[in-house]
C-alpha atoms as a PDB file:
ATOM      1  CA  MET A   1       0.517  12.251  16.325  1.00  0.00           C
ATOM      2  CA  VAL A   2       4.254  12.093  17.107  1.00  0.00           C
ATOM      3  CA  LEU A   3       6.417   9.709  15.101  1.00  0.00           C
ATOM      4  CA  GLY A   4       8.402   7.384  17.342  1.00  0.00           C
ATOM      5  CA  THR A   5      10.213   4.523  15.692  1.00  0.00           C
ATOM      6  CA  PHE A   6       7.559   4.401  12.963  1.00  0.00           C
ATOM      7  CA  ILE A   7       9.808   5.929  10.300  1.00  0.00           C
ATOM      8  CA  LYS A   8      12.532   3.366  11.018  1.00  0.00           C
ATOM      9  CA  ARG A   9       9.994   0.555  10.782  1.00  0.00           C
ATOM     10  CA  LEU A  10       8.674   1.889   7.497  1.00  0.00           C
ATOM     11  CA  ILE A  11      12.005   2.194   5.742  1.00  0.00           C
ATOM     12  CA  THR A  12      13.456  -1.112   7.020  1.00  0.00           C
ATOM     13  CA  PRO A  13      13.467  -3.875   4.365  1.00  0.00           C
ATOM     14  CA  GLU A  14      10.736  -6.431   4.895  1.00  0.00           C
ATOM     15  CA  PRO A  15      11.883  -9.949   5.848  1.00  0.00           C
ATOM     16  CA  GLU A  16       9.749 -12.852   4.830  1.00  0.00           C
ATOM     17  CA  GLN A  17       7.150 -14.060   7.291  1.00  0.00           C
ATOM     18  CA  SER A  18       7.971 -16.885   9.669  1.00  0.00           C
ATOM     19  CA  PRO A  19       6.314 -20.136   8.574  1.00  0.00           C
ATOM     20  CA  VAL A  20       6.087 -21.240  12.225  1.00  0.00           C
ATOM     21  CA  ALA A  21       3.832 -18.306  13.059  1.00  0.00           C
ATOM     22  CA  GLN A  22       1.445 -19.364  10.314  1.00  0.00           C
ATOM     23  CA  GLU A  23       0.689 -22.639  12.121  1.00  0.00           C
ATOM     24  CA  GLN A  24      -1.812 -21.021  14.495  1.00  0.00           C
ATOM     25  CA  PRO A  25      -5.459 -22.059  14.047  1.00  0.00           C
ATOM     26  CA  PRO A  26      -7.149 -19.770  11.482  1.00  0.00           C
ATOM     27  CA  ASP A  27      -9.896 -18.777  13.917  1.00  0.00           C
ATOM     28  CA  ALA A  28      -7.237 -17.491  16.355  1.00  0.00           C
ATOM     29  CA  ARG A  29      -5.576 -15.204  13.833  1.00  0.00           C
ATOM     30  CA  ARG A  30      -6.207 -11.629  12.866  1.00  0.00           C
ATOM     31  CA  ARG A  31      -7.005 -11.012   9.204  1.00  0.00           C
ATOM     32  CA  VAL A  32      -5.188  -8.755   6.740  1.00  0.00           C
ATOM     33  CA  LEU A  33      -6.517  -8.006   3.255  1.00  0.00           C
ATOM     34  CA  ASN A  34      -3.682  -7.398   0.788  1.00  0.00           C
ATOM     35  CA  VAL A  35      -5.274  -5.106  -1.806  1.00  0.00           C
ATOM     36  CA  GLY A  36      -3.687  -5.188  -5.252  1.00  0.00           C
ATOM     37  CA  GLY A  37      -0.670  -7.199  -4.125  1.00  0.00           C
ATOM     38  CA  GLY A  38      -0.510  -9.213  -7.341  1.00  0.00           C
ATOM     39  CA  THR A  39       0.679 -12.469  -5.795  1.00  0.00           C
ATOM     40  CA  LYS A  40       1.390 -13.913  -2.364  1.00  0.00           C
ATOM     41  CA  ASN A  41       4.919 -14.638  -3.563  1.00  0.00           C
ATOM     42  CA  ILE A  42       5.641 -10.979  -2.765  1.00  0.00           C
ATOM     43  CA  PRO A  43       6.233 -10.823   1.015  1.00  0.00           C
ATOM     44  CA  ILE A  44       4.259  -8.449   3.191  1.00  0.00           C
ATOM     45  CA  PRO A  45       5.684  -6.787   6.336  1.00  0.00           C
ATOM     46  CA  GLU A  46       6.831  -8.944   9.232  1.00  0.00           C
ATOM     47  CA  HIS A  47       4.270  -7.548  11.655  1.00  0.00           C
ATOM     48  CA  TYR A  48       1.605  -9.560   9.787  1.00  0.00           C
ATOM     49  CA  ALA A  49       3.341 -12.858  10.618  1.00  0.00           C
ATOM     50  CA  GLY A  50       0.752 -15.243  12.011  1.00  0.00           C
ATOM     51  CA  TRP A  51      -2.169 -13.322  10.521  1.00  0.00           C
ATOM     52  CA  GLU A  52      -4.589 -14.811   8.017  1.00  0.00           C
ATOM     53  CA  HIS A  53      -3.406 -13.229   4.752  1.00  0.00           C
ATOM     54  CA  LEU A  54      -6.023 -12.817   2.021  1.00  0.00           C
ATOM     55  CA  LEU A  55      -5.068 -11.395  -1.372  1.00  0.00           C
ATOM     56  CA  LEU A  56      -7.523  -9.249  -3.333  1.00  0.00           C
ATOM     57  CA  ASP A  57      -6.623  -8.441  -6.923  1.00  0.00           C
ATOM     58  CA  ILE A  58      -8.278  -7.742 -10.273  1.00  0.00           C
ATOM     59  CA  ASP A  59      -5.745  -9.909 -12.150  1.00  0.00           C
ATOM     60  CA  PRO A  60      -6.524 -13.643 -11.901  1.00  0.00           C
ATOM     61  CA  ARG A  61      -2.962 -14.618 -12.877  1.00  0.00           C
ATOM     62  CA  GLY A  62      -1.796 -14.171  -9.275  1.00  0.00           C
ATOM     63  CA  ALA A  63      -4.469 -16.560  -7.934  1.00  0.00           C
ATOM     64  CA  PRO A  64      -6.042 -14.030  -5.548  1.00  0.00           C
ATOM     65  CA  ASP A  65      -8.286 -15.228  -2.734  1.00  0.00           C
ATOM     66  CA  VAL A  66     -10.726 -12.490  -3.721  1.00  0.00           C
ATOM     67  CA  LEU A  67     -10.945 -11.667  -7.438  1.00  0.00           C
ATOM     68  CA  CYS A  68     -12.314  -8.145  -7.300  1.00  0.00           C
ATOM     69  CA  ASP A  69     -11.798  -4.585  -8.490  1.00  0.00           C
ATOM     70  CA  ALA A  70     -10.738  -2.614  -5.423  1.00  0.00           C
ATOM     71  CA  ARG A  71     -13.227   0.089  -6.402  1.00  0.00           C
ATOM     72  CA  GLU A  72     -15.928  -2.441  -5.472  1.00  0.00           C
ATOM     73  CA  LEU A  73     -14.810  -3.201  -1.912  1.00  0.00           C
ATOM     74  CA  ASP A  74     -18.196  -2.021  -0.679  1.00  0.00           C
ATOM     75  CA  SER A  75     -19.663  -5.178  -2.253  1.00  0.00           C
ATOM     76  CA  LEU A  76     -17.864  -7.283   0.400  1.00  0.00           C
ATOM     77  CA  ASP A  77     -19.106  -7.920   3.926  1.00  0.00           C
ATOM     78  CA  SER A  78     -18.354  -4.994   6.199  1.00  0.00           C
ATOM     79  CA  HIS A  79     -15.991  -4.829   9.200  1.00  0.00           C
ATOM     80  CA  GLN A  80     -14.288  -8.185   8.596  1.00  0.00           C
ATOM     81  CA  PHE A  81     -10.582  -7.284   8.468  1.00  0.00           C
ATOM     82  CA  ASP A  82      -8.167  -6.149  11.159  1.00  0.00           C
ATOM     83  CA  ALA A  83      -5.879  -4.524   8.587  1.00  0.00           C
ATOM     84  CA  ILE A  84      -5.576  -3.507   4.957  1.00  0.00           C
ATOM     85  CA  TYR A  85      -2.171  -3.687   3.300  1.00  0.00           C
ATOM     86  CA  CYS A  86      -2.037  -1.793   0.003  1.00  0.00           C
ATOM     87  CA  SER A  87       1.383  -1.396  -1.612  1.00  0.00           C
ATOM     88  CA  HIS A  88       1.742   0.518  -4.892  1.00  0.00           C
ATOM     89  CA  ASN A  89      -1.858   0.139  -5.935  1.00  0.00           C
ATOM     90  CA  LEU A  90      -3.621   3.459  -5.268  1.00  0.00           C
ATOM     91  CA  GLU A  91      -1.716   5.182  -8.072  1.00  0.00           C
ATOM     92  CA  HIS A  92      -3.416   2.841 -10.571  1.00  0.00           C
ATOM     93  CA  TYR A  93      -6.777   4.631 -10.179  1.00  0.00           C
ATOM     94  CA  TYR A  94      -7.957   8.043 -11.280  1.00  0.00           C
ATOM     95  CA  LYS A  95      -8.188  10.362  -8.287  1.00  0.00           C
ATOM     96  CA  HIS A  96     -11.965  10.061  -7.894  1.00  0.00           C
ATOM     97  CA  ASP A  97     -11.755   6.251  -8.131  1.00  0.00           C
ATOM     98  CA  GLY A  98      -8.974   6.215  -5.556  1.00  0.00           C
ATOM     99  CA  ASP A  99     -11.312   8.041  -3.199  1.00  0.00           C
ATOM    100  CA  SER A 100     -13.794   5.178  -3.670  1.00  0.00           C
ATOM    101  CA  VAL A 101     -11.071   2.623  -2.906  1.00  0.00           C
ATOM    102  CA  LEU A 102     -10.211   4.374   0.356  1.00  0.00           C
ATOM    103  CA  ARG A 103     -13.850   4.504   1.402  1.00  0.00           C
ATOM    104  CA  GLY A 104     -13.963   0.783   0.611  1.00  0.00           C
ATOM    105  CA  PHE A 105     -11.075   0.256   3.020  1.00  0.00           C
ATOM    106  CA  LEU A 106     -13.196   1.767   5.773  1.00  0.00           C
ATOM    107  CA  HIS A 107     -16.119  -0.431   4.769  1.00  0.00           C
ATOM    108  CA  VAL A 108     -14.227  -3.716   5.222  1.00  0.00           C
ATOM    109  CA  LEU A 109     -12.046  -2.654   8.174  1.00  0.00           C
ATOM    110  CA  LYS A 110     -13.081  -3.317  11.741  1.00  0.00           C
ATOM    111  CA  PRO A 111     -13.568  -0.085  13.745  1.00  0.00           C
ATOM    112  CA  ASP A 112     -10.278  -0.720  15.569  1.00  0.00           C
ATOM    113  CA  GLY A 113      -8.400  -1.795  12.430  1.00  0.00           C
ATOM    114  CA  PHE A 114      -5.911   0.109  10.283  1.00  0.00           C
ATOM    115  CA  ALA A 115      -4.767   0.546   6.689  1.00  0.00           C
ATOM    116  CA  GLU A 116      -1.097   0.449   5.706  1.00  0.00           C
ATOM    117  CA  ILE A 117      -0.495   2.143   2.363  1.00  0.00           C
ATOM    118  CA  ARG A 118       2.521   2.673   0.118  1.00  0.00           C
ATOM    119  CA  VAL A 119       2.634   4.750  -3.064  1.00  0.00           C
ATOM    120  CA  PRO A 120       5.331   6.418  -5.183  1.00  0.00           C
ATOM    121  CA  ASP A 121       6.374   9.873  -3.990  1.00  0.00           C
ATOM    122  CA  ILE A 122       5.952  12.020  -7.096  1.00  0.00           C
ATOM    123  CA  GLY A 123       7.427  15.043  -5.314  1.00  0.00           C
ATOM    124  CA  ALA A 124      10.641  13.133  -4.600  1.00  0.00           C
ATOM    125  CA  VAL A 125      10.758  11.932  -8.217  1.00  0.00           C
ATOM    126  CA  MET A 126      10.381  15.492  -9.505  1.00  0.00           C
ATOM    127  CA  ARG A 127      13.103  16.783  -7.210  1.00  0.00           C
ATOM    128  CA  ALA A 128      15.520  14.057  -8.324  1.00  0.00           C
ATOM    129  CA  PHE A 129      14.577  14.609 -11.983  1.00  0.00           C
ATOM    130  CA  VAL A 130      15.529  18.290 -11.774  1.00  0.00           C
ATOM    131  CA  ALA A 131      18.543  17.945  -9.460  1.00  0.00           C
ATOM    132  CA  ARG A 132      20.133  15.204 -11.570  1.00  0.00           C
ATOM    133  CA  GLY A 133      19.254  16.743 -14.930  1.00  0.00           C
ATOM    134  CA  MET A 134      17.497  13.521 -15.921  1.00  0.00           C
ATOM    135  CA  ASP A 135      15.526  12.521 -18.997  1.00  0.00           C
ATOM    136  CA  ILE A 136      12.185  10.774 -18.617  1.00  0.00           C
ATOM    137  CA  GLU A 137      13.739   7.561 -19.991  1.00  0.00           C
ATOM    138  CA  ASP A 138      16.656   7.580 -17.536  1.00  0.00           C
ATOM    139  CA  VAL A 139      16.793   4.891 -14.852  1.00  0.00           C
ATOM    140  CA  LEU A 140      15.723   6.316 -11.514  1.00  0.00           C
ATOM    141  CA  TYR A 141      16.548   3.216  -9.468  1.00  0.00           C
ATOM    142  CA  THR A 142      16.910  -0.544  -9.820  1.00  0.00           C
ATOM    143  CA  SER A 143      14.288  -2.782  -8.221  1.00  0.00           C
ATOM    144  CA  PRO A 144      14.380  -6.578  -7.717  1.00  0.00           C
ATOM    145  CA  ALA A 145      12.366  -6.750 -10.964  1.00  0.00           C
ATOM    146  CA  GLY A 146      14.897  -4.657 -12.872  1.00  0.00           C
ATOM    147  CA  PRO A 147      15.620  -1.006 -13.764  1.00  0.00           C
ATOM    148  CA  ILE A 148      12.831   1.517 -13.197  1.00  0.00           C
ATOM    149  CA  THR A 149      12.804   4.695 -15.278  1.00  0.00           C
ATOM    150  CA  VAL A 150      11.316   8.064 -14.456  1.00  0.00           C
ATOM    151  CA  ARG A 151       8.549   7.304 -16.957  1.00  0.00           C
ATOM    152  CA  ASP A 152       7.792   4.000 -15.174  1.00  0.00           C
ATOM    153  CA  VAL A 153       7.214   5.729 -11.849  1.00  0.00           C
ATOM    154  CA  ILE A 154       5.005   8.436 -13.325  1.00  0.00           C
ATOM    155  CA  TYR A 155       2.985   6.413 -15.846  1.00  0.00           C
ATOM    156  CA  GLY A 156       3.362   2.789 -14.714  1.00  0.00           C
ATOM    157  CA  TRP A 157       5.912   0.049 -15.349  1.00  0.00           C
ATOM    158  CA  ALA A 158       6.013  -0.055 -19.138  1.00  0.00           C
ATOM    159  CA  LEU A 159       7.301  -3.637 -19.311  1.00  0.00           C
ATOM    160  CA  GLU A 160       4.369  -5.016 -17.302  1.00  0.00           C
ATOM    161  CA  ILE A 161       1.794  -2.946 -19.189  1.00  0.00           C
ATOM    162  CA  GLU A 162       3.173  -4.198 -22.513  1.00  0.00           C
ATOM    163  CA  ARG A 163       3.493  -7.870 -21.644  1.00  0.00           C
ATOM    164  CA  SER A 164       0.146  -8.095 -19.824  1.00  0.00           C
ATOM    165  CA  GLY A 165      -1.802  -6.030 -22.341  1.00  0.00           C
ATOM    166  CA  GLU A 166      -3.772  -4.633 -19.387  1.00  0.00           C
ATOM    167  CA  ASP A 167      -4.081  -0.901 -18.888  1.00  0.00           C
ATOM    168  CA  PHE A 168      -4.955  -1.348 -15.216  1.00  0.00           C
ATOM    169  CA  TYR A 169      -1.203  -1.579 -14.717  1.00  0.00           C
ATOM    170  CA  ALA A 170      -0.853   2.046 -15.838  1.00  0.00           C
ATOM    171  CA  HIS A 171      -0.562   4.833 -13.276  1.00  0.00           C
ATOM    172  CA  LYS A 172      -3.448   7.279 -13.396  1.00  0.00           C
ATOM    173  CA  THR A 173      -2.591   9.652 -10.564  1.00  0.00           C
ATOM    174  CA  GLY A 174       0.264  10.583  -8.238  1.00  0.00           C
ATOM    175  CA  PHE A 175       0.768  11.538  -4.611  1.00  0.00           C
ATOM    176  CA  THR A 176       2.828  13.694  -2.314  1.00  0.00           C
ATOM    177  CA  PRO A 177       2.676  13.196   1.464  1.00  0.00           C
ATOM    178  CA  ALA A 178       0.330  16.176   1.774  1.00  0.00           C
ATOM    179  CA  SER A 179      -2.022  15.022  -0.975  1.00  0.00           C
ATOM    180  CA  LEU A 180      -2.214  11.448   0.390  1.00  0.00           C
ATOM    181  CA  ARG A 181      -2.939  12.786   3.874  1.00  0.00           C
ATOM    182  CA  GLU A 182      -5.746  14.897   2.419  1.00  0.00           C
ATOM    183  CA  CYS A 183      -7.225  11.913   0.536  1.00  0.00           C
ATOM    184  CA  LEU A 184      -7.223   9.784   3.678  1.00  0.00           C
ATOM    185  CA  ALA A 185      -8.952  12.484   5.710  1.00  0.00           C
ATOM    186  CA  LYS A 186     -11.539  13.033   2.961  1.00  0.00           C
ATOM    187  CA  ALA A 187     -12.306   9.299   2.905  1.00  0.00           C
ATOM    188  CA  GLY A 188     -13.074   9.387   6.632  1.00  0.00           C
ATOM    189  CA  PHE A 189      -9.938   8.143   8.390  1.00  0.00           C
ATOM    190  CA  ARG A 190      -9.677   9.889  11.752  1.00  0.00           C
ATOM    191  CA  ALA A 191      -5.959   9.460  12.433  1.00  0.00           C
ATOM    192  CA  THR A 192      -3.097   9.185   9.963  1.00  0.00           C
ATOM    193  CA  VAL A 193       0.690   8.999   9.935  1.00  0.00           C
ATOM    194  CA  VAL A 194       2.236   9.799   6.538  1.00  0.00           C
ATOM    195  CA  VAL A 195       5.993   9.882   5.902  1.00  0.00           C
ATOM    196  CA  SER A 196       8.234   9.948   2.848  1.00  0.00           C
ATOM    197  CA  ASP A 197      11.206   7.677   2.290  1.00  0.00           C
ATOM    198  CA  GLU A 198      12.856  10.118  -0.092  1.00  0.00           C
ATOM    199  CA  ALA A 199      15.663   7.754  -1.064  1.00  0.00           C
ATOM    200  CA  ALA A 200      13.180   5.062  -2.104  1.00  0.00           C
ATOM    201  CA  PHE A 201      10.839   7.565  -3.826  1.00  0.00           C
ATOM    202  CA  GLU A 202       8.038   6.167  -1.688  1.00  0.00           C
ATOM    203  CA  ILE A 203       5.349   7.460   0.669  1.00  0.00           C
ATOM    204  CA  ARG A 204       4.334   5.172   3.509  1.00  0.00           C
ATOM    205  CA  ALA A 205       1.230   5.725   5.571  1.00  0.00           C
ATOM    206  CA  LEU A 206      -0.885   4.321   8.370  1.00  0.00           C
ATOM    207  CA  ALA A 207      -4.551   5.271   8.542  1.00  0.00           C
ATOM    208  CA  PHE A 208      -6.977   4.473  11.357  1.00  0.00           C
ATOM    209  CA  PRO A 209     -10.800   4.626  11.404  1.00  0.00           C
ATOM    210  CA  SER A 210     -10.500   5.711  15.059  1.00  0.00           C
ATOM    211  CA  GLU A 211      -7.646   6.539  17.406  1.00  0.00           C
ATOM    212  CA  PRO A 212      -4.901   3.868  17.381  1.00  0.00           C
ATOM    213  CA  THR A 213      -5.159   1.214  20.068  1.00  0.00           C
ATOM    214  CA  ALA A 214      -2.420   0.685  22.637  1.00  0.00           C
ATOM    215  CA  ALA A 215      -1.292  -2.445  20.780  1.00  0.00           C
ATOM    216  CA  GLN A 216      -1.096  -0.547  17.479  1.00  0.00           C
ATOM    217  CA  ARG A 217       0.899   2.231  19.083  1.00  0.00           C
ATOM    218  CA  GLU A 218       3.343  -0.315  20.455  1.00  0.00           C
ATOM    219  CA  THR A 219       3.643  -2.192  17.154  1.00  0.00           C
ATOM    220  CA  PHE A 220       4.405   0.929  15.118  1.00  0.00           C
ATOM    221  CA  GLY A 221       6.236   2.963  17.759  1.00  0.00           C
ATOM    222  CA  LEU A 222       3.583   5.678  17.908  1.00  0.00           C
ATOM    223  CA  SER A 223       3.254   8.022  20.859  1.00  0.00           C
END
C-alpha cells in the first residue's frame, strides 16, 4: 500500500473536535471505541468529529463508558464499531497479552472498519539515546503533561505510576515499526500502514480487517 498524504495526516497536531458536528442524531453517526484513552478530556483526531465516541478503560477515574480490561474485548458484542482508536496503550501489556488485545479489536470492529494505533517508537528512542550520549534519567522531550525521560518512555511514566499506585500504567513491551506490523498481521489484520514519526518518538498505524474502502482511502490519503 502506497503512502499518500497519510504521513502528513499522522504527524499533524490534532485539533479538538467541532462541537457542531456532535449535534447529529446518535443513530446517524459512526462509532469509534477509544481503547485506553484515560479520559475524554484528551482530544482524539479530527476525522472522528461527528462520530459517537465511546471510551473504554480499566481505570474508573476517567469515567469510561465501558469499564473493561482491553484484554477482554472479546466479552463485548462483536462487529459493533466502525473504528478503534488506541493511543499509547498497547505498550502497557506483555507481548502475548497485546496479541489478545489486537484480536479483540478485530472482534468488535465491523468488517469494513479500521484500527488507528499509536505507540512509542523504541528504535527511535534507542537511536537518540546513543546519538546524544544520554542517561536513562535525561529528559527526552517535553509533553503537555511535563518532561518525559528516557526511562518514562521505556518503562512507563513514573509520575503517573507513583501517584496512581497502579502498575497497569507501567510499560511491559516496546515496538518498532517492523515489530508492530508483524503483530498486526499475526492478529489477523489484512492490510496495514505503519509509519514512524521519528521526531516525536512515535509509531502511528492504520490496520484494516479487509482492504480499505474508497472512503477510508480518501480520508487517509491512501492509494
